[in-house]
């Protein structure tokens, strides 16, 4: 990238399951980005809206929630309900039954309701309407390492993919406003809808895996998802020294698939200690084996993205 009008690159950090160290690496990247003092700071996104935890390490301030409105659920107007039972007869989710407070009218359980709308069409008096629901909140927060976009989906709510798309869009627009070089996305684990929303349109995927049979299996699934969206990918093995045979299997797989293995991070108790303190490991233990290995991964990643140093 050579001009200040260049569009910000998008890096997504993914893993096939939780607990591989993806967020620890994302937090370290935030610190390393801020430490280099670039005039075009990176913007960070925690795309795991179901169980966001990057904020626990980056410690954002000014948490001013913005409402996220997603799907719609059916609601009954008790003034119009004649308790005919037509709605409950067509509900496949057993979400409609007599109101606990007034058994002369029907009531819809908002947790059980799937929002299909069948009851709306079945009601002879027009007593049921689909009402859009607030399903969570999203935040644009300041951290010691830059700006973080993150969100929380309310328990039992759907549309996590839609919420991920929203905070990604907000982060991209903000990055354009401040002429940021890169948006770094700490992706959700797995390969479900939130992951699909998170990885679409990104420029590079960094897959964090661990040396185990399950780790290799999950690596293949994540790689398949990124390839579907034509996102170039690289691999990093965390806790690479705990199972040498597993690490060797991942190396062989990466070589066979033509995927660059850009780092092997050793098991280091300094990482969980840093997480307990709510700090990136590169802040508290910059000379630890893990921190030095993460710095190597960071330098290789920024080189692949062709990011400029000040």
Protein backbone atom coordinates (compact mmCIF):
# COMPACT_ATOMS: atom_id res chain seq x y z
CA UNK A 1 0.00 0.00 0.00
CA UNK A 2 1.55 3.23 -1.06
CA UNK A 3 -0.99 6.01 -0.90
CA UNK A 4 -3.06 7.45 1.90
CA UNK A 5 -6.20 6.95 -0.16
CA UNK A 6 -5.68 3.19 -0.32
CA UNK A 7 -8.55 1.09 0.92
CA UNK A 8 -7.91 -0.56 4.28
CA UNK A 9 -6.97 -4.23 4.07
CA UNK A 10 -9.01 -6.71 6.11
CA UNK A 11 -7.28 -9.47 8.06
CA UNK A 12 -9.38 -12.16 9.72
CA UNK A 13 -7.98 -14.43 12.43
CA UNK A 14 -9.88 -17.72 12.65
CA UNK A 15 -9.82 -21.08 14.38
CA UNK A 16 -11.89 -24.20 14.04
CA UNK A 17 -12.90 -24.17 17.69
CA UNK A 18 -12.52 -22.10 20.82
CA UNK A 19 -9.43 -22.28 22.99
CA UNK A 20 -6.75 -22.38 20.32
CA UNK A 21 -5.32 -18.97 21.24
CA UNK A 22 -6.91 -16.93 18.47
CA UNK A 23 -7.98 -14.06 20.73
CA UNK A 24 -4.63 -14.04 22.55
CA UNK A 25 -2.93 -13.51 19.19
CA UNK A 26 -5.47 -10.86 18.15
CA UNK A 27 -4.85 -8.95 21.39
CA UNK A 28 -1.10 -9.15 20.88
CA UNK A 29 -1.54 -7.83 17.33
CA UNK A 30 -3.45 -4.85 18.74
CA UNK A 31 -0.57 -4.03 21.07
CA UNK A 32 2.09 -4.53 18.39
CA UNK A 33 0.12 -2.31 16.02
CA UNK A 34 -0.10 0.49 18.57
CA UNK A 35 3.54 0.07 19.63
CA UNK A 36 4.86 0.76 16.17
CA UNK A 37 3.24 4.22 16.28
CA UNK A 38 1.80 4.16 12.79
CA UNK A 39 0.06 7.34 11.67
CA UNK A 40 -2.59 5.13 10.06
CA UNK A 41 -3.64 3.01 13.08
CA UNK A 42 -5.31 -0.34 12.70
CA UNK A 43 -8.95 -0.87 13.62
CA UNK A 44 -10.01 -4.01 15.50
CA UNK A 45 -13.23 -6.03 15.43
CA UNK A 46 -14.37 -8.76 17.79
CA UNK A 47 -16.72 -10.72 15.54
CA UNK A 48 -17.62 -13.36 18.13
CA UNK A 49 -20.88 -11.63 19.04
CA UNK A 50 -22.26 -14.68 20.88
CA UNK A 51 -19.37 -14.77 23.36
CA UNK A 52 -17.12 -11.76 22.77
CA UNK A 53 -13.94 -11.75 24.85
CA UNK A 54 -11.36 -9.59 23.04
CA UNK A 55 -12.67 -6.66 25.07
CA UNK A 56 -11.61 -8.46 28.26
CA UNK A 57 -8.00 -8.10 27.14
CA UNK A 58 -8.10 -4.76 25.32
CA UNK A 59 -10.13 -3.16 28.14
CA UNK A 60 -12.22 -0.64 26.16
CA UNK A 61 -13.63 2.51 27.67
CA UNK A 62 -16.68 4.67 26.87
CA UNK A 63 -19.04 1.71 26.39
CA UNK A 64 -21.93 3.58 24.80
CA UNK A 65 -24.28 0.85 23.52
CA UNK A 66 -26.01 1.18 20.18
CA UNK A 67 -29.11 -0.94 19.65
CA UNK A 68 -29.15 -3.83 17.21
CA UNK A 69 -32.58 -4.64 15.84
CA UNK A 70 -32.84 -7.97 14.09
CA UNK A 71 -35.73 -10.30 13.30
CA UNK A 72 -39.39 -10.09 14.24
CA UNK A 73 -41.52 -12.14 16.63
CA UNK A 74 -45.26 -12.55 16.81
CA UNK A 75 -47.20 -10.68 19.50
CA UNK A 76 -50.90 -10.90 20.38
CA UNK A 77 -53.11 -7.89 21.09
CA UNK A 78 -55.28 -9.14 23.99
CA UNK A 79 -57.98 -6.60 23.10
CA UNK A 80 -58.53 -8.32 19.75
CA UNK A 81 -57.95 -11.94 20.77
CA UNK A 82 -61.12 -14.09 20.95
CA UNK A 83 -59.27 -17.16 22.29
CA UNK A 84 -60.31 -19.29 19.33
CA UNK A 85 -57.09 -21.32 19.29
CA UNK A 86 -56.50 -20.95 15.55
CA UNK A 87 -53.00 -19.59 16.19
CA UNK A 88 -51.89 -22.36 18.52
CA UNK A 89 -53.22 -24.96 16.10
CA UNK A 90 -50.81 -23.84 13.35
CA UNK A 91 -47.79 -23.14 15.58
CA UNK A 92 -45.17 -25.83 14.96
CA UNK A 93 -43.04 -24.60 17.84
CA UNK A 94 -45.61 -24.96 20.65
CA UNK A 95 -45.04 -21.31 21.44
CA UNK A 96 -48.71 -20.30 21.88
CA UNK A 97 -50.90 -21.15 24.86
CA UNK A 98 -53.34 -19.42 27.26
CA UNK A 99 -51.92 -16.29 28.86
CA UNK A 100 -50.73 -17.13 32.41
CA UNK A 101 -52.14 -13.80 33.58
CA UNK A 102 -55.42 -14.05 31.67
CA UNK A 103 -56.57 -17.44 30.44
CA UNK A 104 -59.25 -15.82 28.29
CA UNK A 105 -56.67 -14.85 25.67
CA UNK A 106 -53.70 -16.53 24.02
CA UNK A 107 -50.06 -15.64 24.70
CA UNK A 108 -46.89 -16.20 22.66
CA UNK A 109 -43.68 -17.25 24.39
CA UNK A 110 -40.97 -15.00 22.88
CA UNK A 111 -38.27 -17.59 23.55
CA UNK A 112 -40.12 -20.42 21.80
CA UNK A 113 -41.42 -18.29 18.91
CA UNK A 114 -39.44 -18.79 15.70
CA UNK A 115 -40.90 -15.76 13.93
CA UNK A 116 -42.37 -17.77 11.05
CA UNK A 117 -45.58 -15.70 10.95
CA UNK A 118 -48.01 -18.61 10.42
CA UNK A 119 -50.15 -17.48 13.35
CA UNK A 120 -50.55 -14.02 11.80
CA UNK A 121 -52.25 -15.51 8.76
CA UNK A 122 -54.33 -17.94 10.83
CA UNK A 123 -55.80 -15.33 13.20
CA UNK A 124 -59.38 -14.46 12.12
CA UNK A 125 -59.45 -11.12 13.99
CA UNK A 126 -56.05 -9.69 13.08
CA UNK A 127 -54.96 -9.83 16.71
CA UNK A 128 -51.40 -10.96 15.91
CA UNK A 129 -48.64 -8.84 14.41
CA UNK A 130 -44.96 -9.35 13.72
CA UNK A 131 -42.92 -6.94 15.84
CA UNK A 132 -39.22 -6.28 15.24
CA UNK A 133 -37.04 -7.11 18.25
CA UNK A 134 -33.93 -5.59 19.73
CA UNK A 135 -31.56 -8.55 19.75
CA UNK A 136 -28.40 -7.01 21.09
CA UNK A 137 -26.09 -4.01 21.29
CA UNK A 138 -22.94 -3.00 19.49
CA UNK A 139 -20.11 -0.72 20.55
CA UNK A 140 -17.39 1.49 19.13
CA UNK A 141 -14.88 1.77 21.95
CA UNK A 142 -11.51 3.32 22.63
CA UNK A 143 -8.79 1.02 23.97
CA UNK A 144 -5.14 1.65 24.89
CA UNK A 145 -4.28 0.05 21.53
CA UNK A 146 -6.77 1.68 19.18
CA UNK A 147 -10.45 1.52 18.29
CA UNK A 148 -12.41 -1.68 18.87
CA UNK A 149 -15.78 -2.57 17.38
CA UNK A 150 -17.59 -5.28 19.30
CA UNK A 151 -21.10 -6.44 20.15
CA UNK A 152 -23.24 -8.60 22.39
CA UNK A 153 -26.13 -10.71 21.15
CA UNK A 154 -28.82 -11.20 23.77
CA UNK A 155 -29.24 -14.78 25.07
CA UNK A 156 -31.53 -16.90 22.94
CA UNK A 157 -31.52 -14.44 20.05
CA UNK A 158 -30.69 -15.16 16.44
CA UNK A 159 -29.21 -13.09 13.59
CA UNK A 160 -25.62 -13.31 14.83
CA UNK A 161 -24.46 -13.20 11.20
CA UNK A 162 -26.36 -9.97 10.63
CA UNK A 163 -24.80 -8.40 13.74
CA UNK A 164 -21.31 -9.44 12.61
CA UNK A 165 -21.95 -7.84 9.23
CA UNK A 166 -23.08 -4.64 10.95
CA UNK A 167 -19.97 -4.19 13.10
CA UNK A 168 -17.71 -5.11 10.17
CA UNK A 169 -19.36 -2.42 8.06
CA UNK A 170 -19.04 0.14 10.83
CA UNK A 171 -15.38 -0.73 11.31
CA UNK A 172 -14.67 -0.47 7.58
CA UNK A 173 -16.37 2.94 7.33
CA UNK A 174 -14.44 4.18 10.37
CA UNK A 175 -11.19 2.84 8.91
CA UNK A 176 -11.84 4.79 5.73
CA UNK A 177 -12.51 7.97 7.74
CA UNK A 178 -9.21 7.76 9.62
CA UNK A 179 -7.31 6.35 6.60
CA UNK A 180 -6.40 3.18 8.47
CA UNK A 181 -4.21 0.64 6.71
CA UNK A 182 -5.95 -2.43 8.08
CA UNK A 183 -9.00 -3.79 9.89
CA UNK A 184 -8.11 -6.82 12.04
CA UNK A 185 -11.04 -9.13 12.74
CA UNK A 186 -10.95 -11.57 15.64
CA UNK A 187 -13.33 -14.08 14.11
CA UNK A 188 -15.79 -16.44 15.79
CA UNK A 189 -14.74 -20.08 16.21
CA UNK A 190 -16.05 -22.78 13.89
CA UNK A 191 -17.53 -22.39 10.41
CA UNK A 192 -21.12 -21.28 11.09
CA UNK A 193 -23.09 -18.21 9.99
CA UNK A 194 -21.07 -15.70 12.07
CA UNK A 195 -17.84 -17.01 10.51
CA UNK A 196 -19.26 -16.73 7.01
CA UNK A 197 -20.28 -13.12 7.69
CA UNK A 198 -16.91 -12.36 9.25
CA UNK A 199 -14.69 -13.76 6.49
CA UNK A 200 -16.62 -12.47 3.46
CA UNK A 201 -14.66 -9.75 1.68
CA UNK A 202 -11.45 -10.12 3.69
CA UNK A 203 -7.99 -9.97 2.15
CA UNK A 204 -6.15 -12.55 4.23
CA UNK A 205 -7.10 -15.29 6.67
CA UNK A 206 -4.75 -16.27 9.49
CA UNK A 207 -5.83 -19.70 10.76
CA UNK A 208 -4.73 -20.50 14.30
CA UNK A 209 -4.63 -24.21 14.99
CA UNK A 210 -3.18 -26.59 17.54
CA UNK A 211 -1.33 -29.91 17.13
CA UNK A 212 -4.03 -32.51 17.63
CA UNK A 213 -6.25 -34.71 15.48
CA UNK A 214 -9.17 -32.39 16.17
CA UNK A 215 -6.99 -29.39 15.42
CA UNK A 216 -6.10 -30.72 11.98
CA UNK A 217 -9.72 -31.63 11.28
CA UNK A 218 -10.92 -28.14 12.25
CA UNK A 219 -8.10 -26.55 10.25
CA UNK A 220 -9.34 -28.29 7.11
CA UNK A 221 -12.90 -27.05 7.70
CA UNK A 222 -11.84 -23.44 8.23
CA UNK A 223 -9.55 -23.54 5.22
CA UNK A 224 -12.42 -24.85 3.11
CA UNK A 225 -14.61 -21.96 4.25
CA UNK A 226 -11.98 -19.35 3.39
CA UNK A 227 -11.34 -20.96 0.02
CA UNK A 228 -15.06 -20.83 -0.75
CA UNK A 229 -14.86 -17.04 -0.39
CA UNK A 230 -11.54 -16.89 -2.29
CA UNK A 231 -9.68 -15.56 0.75
CA UNK A 232 -5.92 -16.31 0.72
CA UNK A 233 -4.88 -18.12 3.89
CA UNK A 234 -1.86 -18.77 6.08
CA UNK A 235 -1.47 -21.01 9.12
CA UNK A 236 -0.06 -20.54 12.60
CA UNK A 237 0.34 -23.45 15.05
CA UNK A 238 -0.15 -22.52 18.68
CA UNK A 239 1.26 -24.71 21.48
CA UNK A 240 3.30 -26.33 18.72
CA UNK A 241 5.65 -28.20 21.05
CA UNK A 242 3.07 -30.10 23.13
CA UNK A 243 2.51 -32.83 20.52
CA UNK A 244 5.31 -33.04 17.93
CA UNK A 245 3.53 -35.66 15.82
CA UNK A 246 0.49 -33.40 15.51
CA UNK A 247 2.67 -30.45 14.53
CA UNK A 248 4.42 -32.57 11.94
CA UNK A 249 1.04 -33.65 10.48
CA UNK A 250 -0.03 -30.01 10.14
CA UNK A 251 3.27 -29.08 8.50
CA UNK A 252 2.82 -31.90 5.98
CA UNK A 253 -0.78 -30.91 5.30
CA UNK A 254 0.17 -27.25 4.79
CA UNK A 255 2.95 -28.23 2.37
CA UNK A 256 0.63 -30.54 0.43
CA UNK A 257 -2.01 -27.81 0.15
CA UNK A 258 0.48 -25.09 -0.74
CA UNK A 259 -0.45 -23.02 2.33
CA UNK A 260 2.26 -20.99 4.08
CA UNK A 261 2.96 -21.95 7.68
CA UNK A 262 4.09 -18.58 9.04
CA UNK A 263 4.64 -19.41 12.68
CA UNK A 264 4.88 -21.98 15.45
CA UNK A 265 4.17 -20.62 18.91
CA UNK A 266 5.44 -22.76 21.81
CA UNK A 267 3.35 -23.56 24.86
CA UNK A 268 4.03 -20.82 27.38
CA UNK A 269 2.39 -20.33 30.77
CA UNK A 270 2.93 -16.61 30.31
CA UNK A 271 -0.10 -16.48 27.96
CA UNK A 272 -2.75 -17.61 30.49
CA UNK A 273 -1.06 -15.43 33.12
CA UNK A 274 -1.42 -12.42 30.81
CA UNK A 275 -5.06 -13.31 30.12
CA UNK A 276 -5.76 -13.43 33.86
CA UNK A 277 -4.27 -9.95 34.16
CA UNK A 278 -6.36 -8.74 31.22
CA UNK A 279 -3.35 -7.74 29.12
CA UNK A 280 -1.79 -8.92 25.85
CA UNK A 281 1.15 -11.25 26.47
CA UNK A 282 3.39 -8.92 24.45
CA UNK A 283 2.69 -6.19 27.02
CA UNK A 284 3.33 -8.11 30.24
CA UNK A 285 5.92 -10.61 29.05
CA UNK A 286 7.54 -9.19 25.89
CA UNK A 287 10.62 -11.40 26.24
CA UNK A 288 8.71 -14.65 26.71
CA UNK A 289 9.04 -17.40 24.11
CA UNK A 290 5.38 -17.04 23.10
CA UNK A 291 5.56 -13.24 22.75
CA UNK A 292 8.64 -13.45 20.53
CA UNK A 293 6.99 -16.09 18.34
CA UNK A 294 3.82 -13.98 18.04
CA UNK A 295 5.95 -11.00 17.00
CA UNK A 296 7.39 -13.10 14.17
CA UNK A 297 3.87 -14.05 13.06
CA UNK A 298 2.90 -10.36 13.25
CA UNK A 299 5.80 -9.24 11.04
CA UNK A 300 5.11 -11.94 8.45
CA UNK A 301 1.39 -11.10 8.41
CA UNK A 302 1.92 -7.36 7.91
CA UNK A 303 4.43 -8.17 5.16
CA UNK A 304 1.89 -10.34 3.36
CA UNK A 305 -0.66 -7.52 3.62
CA UNK A 306 1.98 -5.05 2.39
CA UNK A 307 1.40 -2.68 5.28
CA UNK A 308 3.71 0.28 5.62
CA UNK A 309 5.81 1.10 8.66
CA UNK A 310 6.13 4.73 9.72
